[in-house]
Amino acid sequence: PRGVFSWALLRALGRLGGSATYRR
């Protein structure tokens, strides 16, 4: 079980990297 947003945000961080901006 996961919060859809938390899961999606951490997935985006893993895919785009820590240098990605908040907007991206």
mmCIF file of all heavy atoms, coordinates in Angstrom:
data_MODEL
# 
_entry.id   MODEL 
# 
loop_
_atom_site.group_PDB 
_atom_site.id 
_atom_site.type_symbol 
_atom_site.label_atom_id 
_atom_site.label_alt_id 
_atom_site.label_comp_id 
_atom_site.label_asym_id 
_atom_site.label_entity_id 
_atom_site.label_seq_id 
_atom_site.pdbx_PDB_ins_code 
_atom_site.Cartn_x 
_atom_site.Cartn_y 
_atom_site.Cartn_z 
_atom_site.occupancy 
_atom_site.B_iso_or_equiv 
_atom_site.pdbx_formal_charge 
_atom_site.auth_seq_id 
_atom_site.auth_comp_id 
_atom_site.auth_asym_id 
_atom_site.auth_atom_id 
_atom_site.pdbx_PDB_model_num 
ATOM 1   N N   . PRO A 1 1  ? 0.838  -1.206 0.000   1.00 0.00 ? 1  PRO A N   1 
ATOM 2   C CA  . PRO A 1 1  ? 0.000  0.000  0.000   1.00 0.00 ? 1  PRO A CA  1 
ATOM 3   C C   . PRO A 1 1  ? 0.872  1.254  0.000   1.00 0.00 ? 1  PRO A C   1 
ATOM 4   O O   . PRO A 1 1  ? 1.814  1.357  0.794   1.00 0.00 ? 1  PRO A O   1 
ATOM 5   C CB  . PRO A 1 1  ? -0.801 -0.114 1.308   1.00 0.00 ? 1  PRO A CB  1 
ATOM 6   C CG  . PRO A 1 1  ? -0.645 -1.528 1.763   1.00 0.00 ? 1  PRO A CG  1 
ATOM 7   C CD  . PRO A 1 1  ? 0.671  -1.984 1.240   1.00 0.00 ? 1  PRO A CD  1 
ATOM 8   N N   . ARG A 1 2  ? 0.545  2.200  -0.868  1.00 0.00 ? 2  ARG A N   1 
ATOM 9   C CA  . ARG A 1 2  ? 1.315  3.429  -0.971  1.00 0.00 ? 2  ARG A CA  1 
ATOM 10  C C   . ARG A 1 2  ? 0.396  4.598  -1.281  1.00 0.00 ? 2  ARG A C   1 
ATOM 11  O O   . ARG A 1 2  ? -0.642 4.445  -1.929  1.00 0.00 ? 2  ARG A O   1 
ATOM 12  C CB  . ARG A 1 2  ? 2.370  3.321  -2.087  1.00 0.00 ? 2  ARG A CB  1 
ATOM 13  C CG  . ARG A 1 2  ? 3.477  2.313  -1.832  1.00 0.00 ? 2  ARG A CG  1 
ATOM 14  C CD  . ARG A 1 2  ? 4.372  2.738  -0.682  1.00 0.00 ? 2  ARG A CD  1 
ATOM 15  N NE  . ARG A 1 2  ? 4.951  4.056  -0.923  1.00 0.00 ? 2  ARG A NE  1 
ATOM 16  C CZ  . ARG A 1 2  ? 6.033  4.282  -1.660  1.00 0.00 ? 2  ARG A CZ  1 
ATOM 17  N NH1 . ARG A 1 2  ? 6.671  3.260  -2.224  1.00 0.00 ? 2  ARG A NH1 1 
ATOM 18  N NH2 . ARG A 1 2  ? 6.484  5.501  -1.819  1.00 0.00 ? 2  ARG A NH2 1 
ATOM 19  N N   . GLY A 1 3  ? 0.802  5.772  -0.835  1.00 0.00 ? 3  GLY A N   1 
ATOM 20  C CA  . GLY A 1 3  ? 0.165  6.977  -1.318  1.00 0.00 ? 3  GLY A CA  1 
ATOM 21  C C   . GLY A 1 3  ? 0.562  7.179  -2.770  1.00 0.00 ? 3  GLY A C   1 
ATOM 22  O O   . GLY A 1 3  ? 1.751  7.138  -3.109  1.00 0.00 ? 3  GLY A O   1 
ATOM 23  N N   . VAL A 1 4  ? -0.412 7.385  -3.630  1.00 0.00 ? 4  VAL A N   1 
ATOM 24  C CA  . VAL A 1 4  ? -0.116 7.481  -5.063  1.00 0.00 ? 4  VAL A CA  1 
ATOM 25  C C   . VAL A 1 4  ? 0.852  8.625  -5.330  1.00 0.00 ? 4  VAL A C   1 
ATOM 26  O O   . VAL A 1 4  ? 1.786  8.493  -6.131  1.00 0.00 ? 4  VAL A O   1 
ATOM 27  C CB  . VAL A 1 4  ? -1.417 7.667  -5.871  1.00 0.00 ? 4  VAL A CB  1 
ATOM 28  C CG1 . VAL A 1 4  ? -1.110 7.792  -7.369  1.00 0.00 ? 4  VAL A CG1 1 
ATOM 29  C CG2 . VAL A 1 4  ? -2.365 6.502  -5.637  1.00 0.00 ? 4  VAL A CG2 1 
ATOM 30  N N   . PHE A 1 5  ? 0.683  9.755  -4.644  1.00 0.00 ? 5  PHE A N   1 
ATOM 31  C CA  . PHE A 1 5  ? 1.554  10.893 -4.897  1.00 0.00 ? 5  PHE A CA  1 
ATOM 32  C C   . PHE A 1 5  ? 2.972  10.635 -4.389  1.00 0.00 ? 5  PHE A C   1 
ATOM 33  O O   . PHE A 1 5  ? 3.948  10.927 -5.082  1.00 0.00 ? 5  PHE A O   1 
ATOM 34  C CB  . PHE A 1 5  ? 0.989  12.156 -4.250  1.00 0.00 ? 5  PHE A CB  1 
ATOM 35  C CG  . PHE A 1 5  ? 1.879  13.353 -4.391  1.00 0.00 ? 5  PHE A CG  1 
ATOM 36  C CD1 . PHE A 1 5  ? 2.181  13.879 -5.631  1.00 0.00 ? 5  PHE A CD1 1 
ATOM 37  C CD2 . PHE A 1 5  ? 2.432  13.951 -3.262  1.00 0.00 ? 5  PHE A CD2 1 
ATOM 38  C CE1 . PHE A 1 5  ? 3.012  14.976 -5.767  1.00 0.00 ? 5  PHE A CE1 1 
ATOM 39  C CE2 . PHE A 1 5  ? 3.263  15.061 -3.382  1.00 0.00 ? 5  PHE A CE2 1 
ATOM 40  C CZ  . PHE A 1 5  ? 3.555  15.571 -4.641  1.00 0.00 ? 5  PHE A CZ  1 
ATOM 41  N N   . SER A 1 6  ? 3.122  10.116 -3.171  1.00 0.00 ? 6  SER A N   1 
ATOM 42  C CA  . SER A 1 6  ? 4.460  9.824  -2.645  1.00 0.00 ? 6  SER A CA  1 
ATOM 43  C C   . SER A 1 6  ? 5.185  8.848  -3.556  1.00 0.00 ? 6  SER A C   1 
ATOM 44  O O   . SER A 1 6  ? 6.370  9.018  -3.871  1.00 0.00 ? 6  SER A O   1 
ATOM 45  C CB  . SER A 1 6  ? 4.369  9.262  -1.229  1.00 0.00 ? 6  SER A CB  1 
ATOM 46  O OG  . SER A 1 6  ? 3.956  10.240 -0.307  1.00 0.00 ? 6  SER A OG  1 
ATOM 47  N N   . TRP A 1 7  ? 4.475  7.804  -3.980  1.00 0.00 ? 7  TRP A N   1 
ATOM 48  C CA  . TRP A 1 7  ? 5.071  6.820  -4.880  1.00 0.00 ? 7  TRP A CA  1 
ATOM 49  C C   . TRP A 1 7  ? 5.507  7.476  -6.186  1.00 0.00 ? 7  TRP A C   1 
ATOM 50  O O   . TRP A 1 7  ? 6.624  7.244  -6.674  1.00 0.00 ? 7  TRP A O   1 
ATOM 51  C CB  . TRP A 1 7  ? 4.056  5.703  -5.147  1.00 0.00 ? 7  TRP A CB  1 
ATOM 52  C CG  . TRP A 1 7  ? 4.504  4.691  -6.152  1.00 0.00 ? 7  TRP A CG  1 
ATOM 53  C CD1 . TRP A 1 7  ? 5.261  3.577  -5.928  1.00 0.00 ? 7  TRP A CD1 1 
ATOM 54  C CD2 . TRP A 1 7  ? 4.202  4.695  -7.546  1.00 0.00 ? 7  TRP A CD2 1 
ATOM 55  N NE1 . TRP A 1 7  ? 5.463  2.891  -7.095  1.00 0.00 ? 7  TRP A NE1 1 
ATOM 56  C CE2 . TRP A 1 7  ? 4.809  3.548  -8.114  1.00 0.00 ? 7  TRP A CE2 1 
ATOM 57  C CE3 . TRP A 1 7  ? 3.473  5.534  -8.374  1.00 0.00 ? 7  TRP A CE3 1 
ATOM 58  C CZ2 . TRP A 1 7  ? 4.721  3.238  -9.472  1.00 0.00 ? 7  TRP A CZ2 1 
ATOM 59  C CZ3 . TRP A 1 7  ? 3.379  5.231  -9.730  1.00 0.00 ? 7  TRP A CZ3 1 
ATOM 60  C CH2 . TRP A 1 7  ? 3.992  4.102  -10.268 1.00 0.00 ? 7  TRP A CH2 1 
ATOM 61  N N   . ALA A 1 8  ? 4.642  8.318  -6.755  1.00 0.00 ? 8  ALA A N   1 
ATOM 62  C CA  . ALA A 1 8  ? 4.949  8.962  -8.034  1.00 0.00 ? 8  ALA A CA  1 
ATOM 63  C C   . ALA A 1 8  ? 6.106  9.951  -7.890  1.00 0.00 ? 8  ALA A C   1 
ATOM 64  O O   . ALA A 1 8  ? 6.963  10.044 -8.776  1.00 0.00 ? 8  ALA A O   1 
ATOM 65  C CB  . ALA A 1 8  ? 3.710  9.666  -8.572  1.00 0.00 ? 8  ALA A CB  1 
ATOM 66  N N   . LEU A 1 9  ? 6.146  10.694 -6.782  1.00 0.00 ? 9  LEU A N   1 
ATOM 67  C CA  . LEU A 1 9  ? 7.215  11.677 -6.591  1.00 0.00 ? 9  LEU A CA  1 
ATOM 68  C C   . LEU A 1 9  ? 8.563  10.983 -6.422  1.00 0.00 ? 9  LEU A C   1 
ATOM 69  O O   . LEU A 1 9  ? 9.565  11.394 -7.027  1.00 0.00 ? 9  LEU A O   1 
ATOM 70  C CB  . LEU A 1 9  ? 6.905  12.546 -5.380  1.00 0.00 ? 9  LEU A CB  1 
ATOM 71  C CG  . LEU A 1 9  ? 7.910  13.653 -5.063  1.00 0.00 ? 9  LEU A CG  1 
ATOM 72  C CD1 . LEU A 1 9  ? 8.066  14.613 -6.236  1.00 0.00 ? 9  LEU A CD1 1 
ATOM 73  C CD2 . LEU A 1 9  ? 7.494  14.410 -3.803  1.00 0.00 ? 9  LEU A CD2 1 
ATOM 74  N N   . LEU A 1 10 ? 8.620  9.920  -5.626  1.00 0.00 ? 10 LEU A N   1 
ATOM 75  C CA  . LEU A 1 10 ? 9.876  9.202  -5.455  1.00 0.00 ? 10 LEU A CA  1 
ATOM 76  C C   . LEU A 1 10 ? 10.288 8.505  -6.752  1.00 0.00 ? 10 LEU A C   1 
ATOM 77  O O   . LEU A 1 10 ? 11.482 8.407  -7.062  1.00 0.00 ? 10 LEU A O   1 
ATOM 78  C CB  . LEU A 1 10 ? 9.746  8.190  -4.316  1.00 0.00 ? 10 LEU A CB  1 
ATOM 79  C CG  . LEU A 1 10 ? 9.676  8.808  -2.915  1.00 0.00 ? 10 LEU A CG  1 
ATOM 80  C CD1 . LEU A 1 10 ? 9.280  7.764  -1.885  1.00 0.00 ? 10 LEU A CD1 1 
ATOM 81  C CD2 . LEU A 1 10 ? 11.008 9.444  -2.537  1.00 0.00 ? 10 LEU A CD2 1 
ATOM 82  N N   . ARG A 1 11 ? 9.313  8.059  -7.507  1.00 0.00 ? 11 ARG A N   1 
ATOM 83  C CA  . ARG A 1 11 ? 9.619  7.460  -8.821  1.00 0.00 ? 11 ARG A CA  1 
ATOM 84  C C   . ARG A 1 11 ? 10.218 8.506  -9.754  1.00 0.00 ? 11 ARG A C   1 
ATOM 85  O O   . ARG A 1 11 ? 11.175 8.239  -10.483 1.00 0.00 ? 11 ARG A O   1 
ATOM 86  C CB  . ARG A 1 11 ? 8.345  6.863  -9.414  1.00 0.00 ? 11 ARG A CB  1 
ATOM 87  C CG  . ARG A 1 11 ? 8.557  6.061  -10.697 1.00 0.00 ? 11 ARG A CG  1 
ATOM 88  C CD  . ARG A 1 11 ? 7.289  5.304  -11.059 1.00 0.00 ? 11 ARG A CD  1 
ATOM 89  N NE  . ARG A 1 11 ? 7.491  4.457  -12.226 1.00 0.00 ? 11 ARG A NE  1 
ATOM 90  C CZ  . ARG A 1 11 ? 7.172  4.797  -13.466 1.00 0.00 ? 11 ARG A CZ  1 
ATOM 91  N NH1 . ARG A 1 11 ? 6.636  5.980  -13.698 1.00 0.00 ? 11 ARG A NH1 1 
ATOM 92  N NH2 . ARG A 1 11 ? 7.388  3.973  -14.477 1.00 0.00 ? 11 ARG A NH2 1 
ATOM 93  N N   . ALA A 1 12 ? 9.649  9.722  -9.736  1.00 0.00 ? 12 ALA A N   1 
ATOM 94  C CA  . ALA A 1 12 ? 10.188 10.800 -10.567 1.00 0.00 ? 12 ALA A CA  1 
ATOM 95  C C   . ALA A 1 12 ? 11.604 11.163 -10.128 1.00 0.00 ? 12 ALA A C   1 
ATOM 96  O O   . ALA A 1 12 ? 12.477 11.424 -10.963 1.00 0.00 ? 12 ALA A O   1 
ATOM 97  C CB  . ALA A 1 12 ? 9.270  12.022 -10.492 1.00 0.00 ? 12 ALA A CB  1 
ATOM 98  N N   . LEU A 1 13 ? 11.862 11.183 -8.808  1.00 0.00 ? 13 LEU A N   1 
ATOM 99  C CA  . LEU A 1 13 ? 13.206 11.474 -8.322  1.00 0.00 ? 13 LEU A CA  1 
ATOM 100 C C   . LEU A 1 13 ? 14.204 10.417 -8.767  1.00 0.00 ? 13 LEU A C   1 
ATOM 101 O O   . LEU A 1 13 ? 15.336 10.733 -9.149  1.00 0.00 ? 13 LEU A O   1 
ATOM 102 C CB  . LEU A 1 13 ? 13.193 11.569 -6.794  1.00 0.00 ? 13 LEU A CB  1 
ATOM 103 C CG  . LEU A 1 13 ? 12.661 12.874 -6.207  1.00 0.00 ? 13 LEU A CG  1 
ATOM 104 C CD1 . LEU A 1 13 ? 12.347 12.707 -4.724  1.00 0.00 ? 13 LEU A CD1 1 
ATOM 105 C CD2 . LEU A 1 13 ? 13.671 13.995 -6.412  1.00 0.00 ? 13 LEU A CD2 1 
ATOM 106 N N   . GLY A 1 14 ? 13.786 9.155  -8.728  1.00 0.00 ? 14 GLY A N   1 
ATOM 107 C CA  . GLY A 1 14 ? 14.675 8.096  -9.182  1.00 0.00 ? 14 GLY A CA  1 
ATOM 108 C C   . GLY A 1 14 ? 14.956 8.155  -10.665 1.00 0.00 ? 14 GLY A C   1 
ATOM 109 O O   . GLY A 1 14 ? 16.053 7.814  -11.129 1.00 0.00 ? 14 GLY A O   1 
ATOM 110 N N   . ARG A 1 15 ? 13.968 8.600  -11.439 1.00 0.00 ? 15 ARG A N   1 
ATOM 111 C CA  . ARG A 1 15 ? 14.100 8.635  -12.893 1.00 0.00 ? 15 ARG A CA  1 
ATOM 112 C C   . ARG A 1 15 ? 14.834 9.875  -13.379 1.00 0.00 ? 15 ARG A C   1 
ATOM 113 O O   . ARG A 1 15 ? 15.672 9.821  -14.277 1.00 0.00 ? 15 ARG A O   1 
ATOM 114 C CB  . ARG A 1 15 ? 12.701 8.575  -13.522 1.00 0.00 ? 15 ARG A CB  1 
ATOM 115 C CG  . ARG A 1 15 ? 12.695 8.324  -15.006 1.00 0.00 ? 15 ARG A CG  1 
ATOM 116 C CD  . ARG A 1 15 ? 11.304 7.962  -15.488 1.00 0.00 ? 15 ARG A CD  1 
ATOM 117 N NE  . ARG A 1 15 ? 10.368 9.062  -15.392 1.00 0.00 ? 15 ARG A NE  1 
ATOM 118 C CZ  . ARG A 1 15 ? 9.297  9.073  -14.612 1.00 0.00 ? 15 ARG A CZ  1 
ATOM 119 N NH1 . ARG A 1 15 ? 9.035  8.048  -13.829 1.00 0.00 ? 15 ARG A NH1 1 
ATOM 120 N NH2 . ARG A 1 15 ? 8.488  10.115 -14.580 1.00 0.00 ? 15 ARG A NH2 1 
ATOM 121 N N   . LEU A 1 16 ? 14.538 11.034 -12.755 1.00 0.00 ? 16 LEU A N   1 
ATOM 122 C CA  . LEU A 1 16 ? 15.106 12.296 -13.216 1.00 0.00 ? 16 LEU A CA  1 
ATOM 123 C C   . LEU A 1 16 ? 16.351 12.706 -12.445 1.00 0.00 ? 16 LEU A C   1 
ATOM 124 O O   . LEU A 1 16 ? 17.113 13.554 -12.922 1.00 0.00 ? 16 LEU A O   1 
ATOM 125 C CB  . LEU A 1 16 ? 14.055 13.406 -13.109 1.00 0.00 ? 16 LEU A CB  1 
ATOM 126 C CG  . LEU A 1 16 ? 12.767 13.199 -13.909 1.00 0.00 ? 16 LEU A CG  1 
ATOM 127 C CD1 . LEU A 1 16 ? 11.813 14.354 -13.648 1.00 0.00 ? 16 LEU A CD1 1 
ATOM 128 C CD2 . LEU A 1 16 ? 13.065 13.062 -15.391 1.00 0.00 ? 16 LEU A CD2 1 
ATOM 129 N N   . GLY A 1 17 ? 16.541 12.149 -11.241 1.00 0.00 ? 17 GLY A N   1 
ATOM 130 C CA  . GLY A 1 17 ? 17.721 12.492 -10.463 1.00 0.00 ? 17 GLY A CA  1 
ATOM 131 C C   . GLY A 1 17 ? 17.469 13.667 -9.543  1.00 0.00 ? 17 GLY A C   1 
ATOM 132 O O   . GLY A 1 17 ? 16.551 14.462 -9.728  1.00 0.00 ? 17 GLY A O   1 
ATOM 133 N N   . GLY A 1 18 ? 18.342 13.792 -8.535  1.00 0.00 ? 18 GLY A N   1 
ATOM 134 C CA  . GLY A 1 18 ? 18.197 14.845 -7.538  1.00 0.00 ? 18 GLY A CA  1 
ATOM 135 C C   . GLY A 1 18 ? 18.430 16.238 -8.077  1.00 0.00 ? 18 GLY A C   1 
ATOM 136 O O   . GLY A 1 18 ? 18.110 17.219 -7.407  1.00 0.00 ? 18 GLY A O   1 
ATOM 137 N N   . SER A 1 19 ? 18.993 16.371 -9.300  1.00 0.00 ? 19 SER A N   1 
ATOM 138 C CA  . SER A 1 19 ? 19.209 17.700 -9.874  1.00 0.00 ? 19 SER A CA  1 
ATOM 139 C C   . SER A 1 19 ? 17.975 18.245 -10.574 1.00 0.00 ? 19 SER A C   1 
ATOM 140 O O   . SER A 1 19 ? 17.961 19.402 -10.998 1.00 0.00 ? 19 SER A O   1 
ATOM 141 C CB  . SER A 1 19 ? 20.379 17.660 -10.864 1.00 0.00 ? 19 SER A CB  1 
ATOM 142 O OG  . SER A 1 19 ? 20.085 16.786 -11.949 1.00 0.00 ? 19 SER A OG  1 
ATOM 143 N N   . ALA A 1 20 ? 16.929 17.429 -10.701 1.00 0.00 ? 20 ALA A N   1 
ATOM 144 C CA  . ALA A 1 20 ? 15.695 17.890 -11.348 1.00 0.00 ? 20 ALA A CA  1 
ATOM 145 C C   . ALA A 1 20 ? 15.040 18.973 -10.494 1.00 0.00 ? 20 ALA A C   1 
ATOM 146 O O   . ALA A 1 20 ? 15.042 18.900 -9.269  1.00 0.00 ? 20 ALA A O   1 
ATOM 147 C CB  . ALA A 1 20 ? 14.732 16.727 -11.559 1.00 0.00 ? 20 ALA A CB  1 
ATOM 148 N N   . THR A 1 21 ? 14.474 19.964 -11.150 1.00 0.00 ? 21 THR A N   1 
ATOM 149 C CA  . THR A 1 21 ? 13.821 21.046 -10.427 1.00 0.00 ? 21 THR A CA  1 
ATOM 150 C C   . THR A 1 21 ? 12.471 20.591 -9.895  1.00 0.00 ? 21 THR A C   1 
ATOM 151 O O   . THR A 1 21 ? 11.900 19.600 -10.359 1.00 0.00 ? 21 THR A O   1 
ATOM 152 C CB  . THR A 1 21 ? 13.628 22.267 -11.327 1.00 0.00 ? 21 THR A CB  1 
ATOM 153 O OG1 . THR A 1 21 ? 12.707 21.928 -12.384 1.00 0.00 ? 21 THR A OG1 1 
ATOM 154 C CG2 . THR A 1 21 ? 14.941 22.720 -11.939 1.00 0.00 ? 21 THR A CG2 1 
ATOM 155 N N   . TYR A 1 22 ? 11.966 21.359 -8.915  1.00 0.00 ? 22 TYR A N   1 
ATOM 156 C CA  . TYR A 1 22 ? 10.643 21.050 -8.380  1.00 0.00 ? 22 TYR A CA  1 
ATOM 157 C C   . TYR A 1 22 ? 9.582  21.076 -9.486  1.00 0.00 ? 22 TYR A C   1 
ATOM 158 O O   . TYR A 1 22 ? 8.657  20.265 -9.489  1.00 0.00 ? 22 TYR A O   1 
ATOM 159 C CB  . TYR A 1 22 ? 10.276 22.062 -7.285  1.00 0.00 ? 22 TYR A CB  1 
ATOM 160 C CG  . TYR A 1 22 ? 11.150 21.960 -6.066  1.00 0.00 ? 22 TYR A CG  1 
ATOM 161 C CD1 . TYR A 1 22 ? 12.116 22.922 -5.797  1.00 0.00 ? 22 TYR A CD1 1 
ATOM 162 C CD2 . TYR A 1 22 ? 11.017 20.899 -5.172  1.00 0.00 ? 22 TYR A CD2 1 
ATOM 163 C CE1 . TYR A 1 22 ? 12.922 22.831 -4.676  1.00 0.00 ? 22 TYR A CE1 1 
ATOM 164 C CE2 . TYR A 1 22 ? 11.817 20.801 -4.054  1.00 0.00 ? 22 TYR A CE2 1 
ATOM 165 C CZ  . TYR A 1 22 ? 12.776 21.768 -3.805  1.00 0.00 ? 22 TYR A CZ  1 
ATOM 166 O OH  . TYR A 1 22 ? 13.581 21.668 -2.703  1.00 0.00 ? 22 TYR A OH  1 
ATOM 167 N N   . ARG A 1 23 ? 9.721  22.005 -10.405 1.00 0.00 ? 23 ARG A N   1 
ATOM 168 C CA  . ARG A 1 23 ? 8.741  22.114 -11.485 1.00 0.00 ? 23 ARG A CA  1 
ATOM 169 C C   . ARG A 1 23 ? 8.715  20.846 -12.340 1.00 0.00 ? 23 ARG A C   1 
ATOM 170 O O   . ARG A 1 23 ? 7.655  20.306 -12.659 1.00 0.00 ? 23 ARG A O   1 
ATOM 171 C CB  . ARG A 1 23 ? 9.049  23.344 -12.340 1.00 0.00 ? 23 ARG A CB  1 
ATOM 172 C CG  . ARG A 1 23 ? 7.919  23.746 -13.273 1.00 0.00 ? 23 ARG A CG  1 
ATOM 173 C CD  . ARG A 1 23 ? 8.327  24.923 -14.149 1.00 0.00 ? 23 ARG A CD  1 
ATOM 174 N NE  . ARG A 1 23 ? 8.825  26.076 -13.398 1.00 0.00 ? 23 ARG A NE  1 
ATOM 175 C CZ  . ARG A 1 23 ? 8.038  26.963 -12.811 1.00 0.00 ? 23 ARG A CZ  1 
ATOM 176 N NH1 . ARG A 1 23 ? 6.727  26.839 -12.873 1.00 0.00 ? 23 ARG A NH1 1 
ATOM 177 N NH2 . ARG A 1 23 ? 8.562  27.992 -12.154 1.00 0.00 ? 23 ARG A NH2 1 
ATOM 178 N N   . ARG A 1 24 ? 9.906  20.353 -12.727 1.00 0.00 ? 24 ARG A N   1 
ATOM 179 C CA  . ARG A 1 24 ? 9.977  19.138 -13.545 1.00 0.00 ? 24 ARG A CA  1 
ATOM 180 C C   . ARG A 1 24 ? 9.488  17.916 -12.771 1.00 0.00 ? 24 ARG A C   1 
ATOM 181 O O   . ARG A 1 24 ? 8.807  17.044 -13.314 1.00 0.00 ? 24 ARG A O   1 
ATOM 182 C CB  . ARG A 1 24 ? 11.404 18.910 -14.029 1.00 0.00 ? 24 ARG A CB  1 
ATOM 183 C CG  . ARG A 1 24 ? 11.888 19.876 -15.096 1.00 0.00 ? 24 ARG A CG  1 
ATOM 184 C CD  . ARG A 1 24 ? 13.186 19.406 -15.696 1.00 0.00 ? 24 ARG A CD  1 
ATOM 185 N NE  . ARG A 1 24 ? 12.994 18.139 -16.415 1.00 0.00 ? 24 ARG A NE  1 
ATOM 186 C CZ  . ARG A 1 24 ? 13.965 17.251 -16.630 1.00 0.00 ? 24 ARG A CZ  1 
ATOM 187 N NH1 . ARG A 1 24 ? 15.178 17.468 -16.155 1.00 0.00 ? 24 ARG A NH1 1 
ATOM 188 N NH2 . ARG A 1 24 ? 13.712 16.130 -17.298 1.00 0.00 ? 24 ARG A NH2 1 
# 
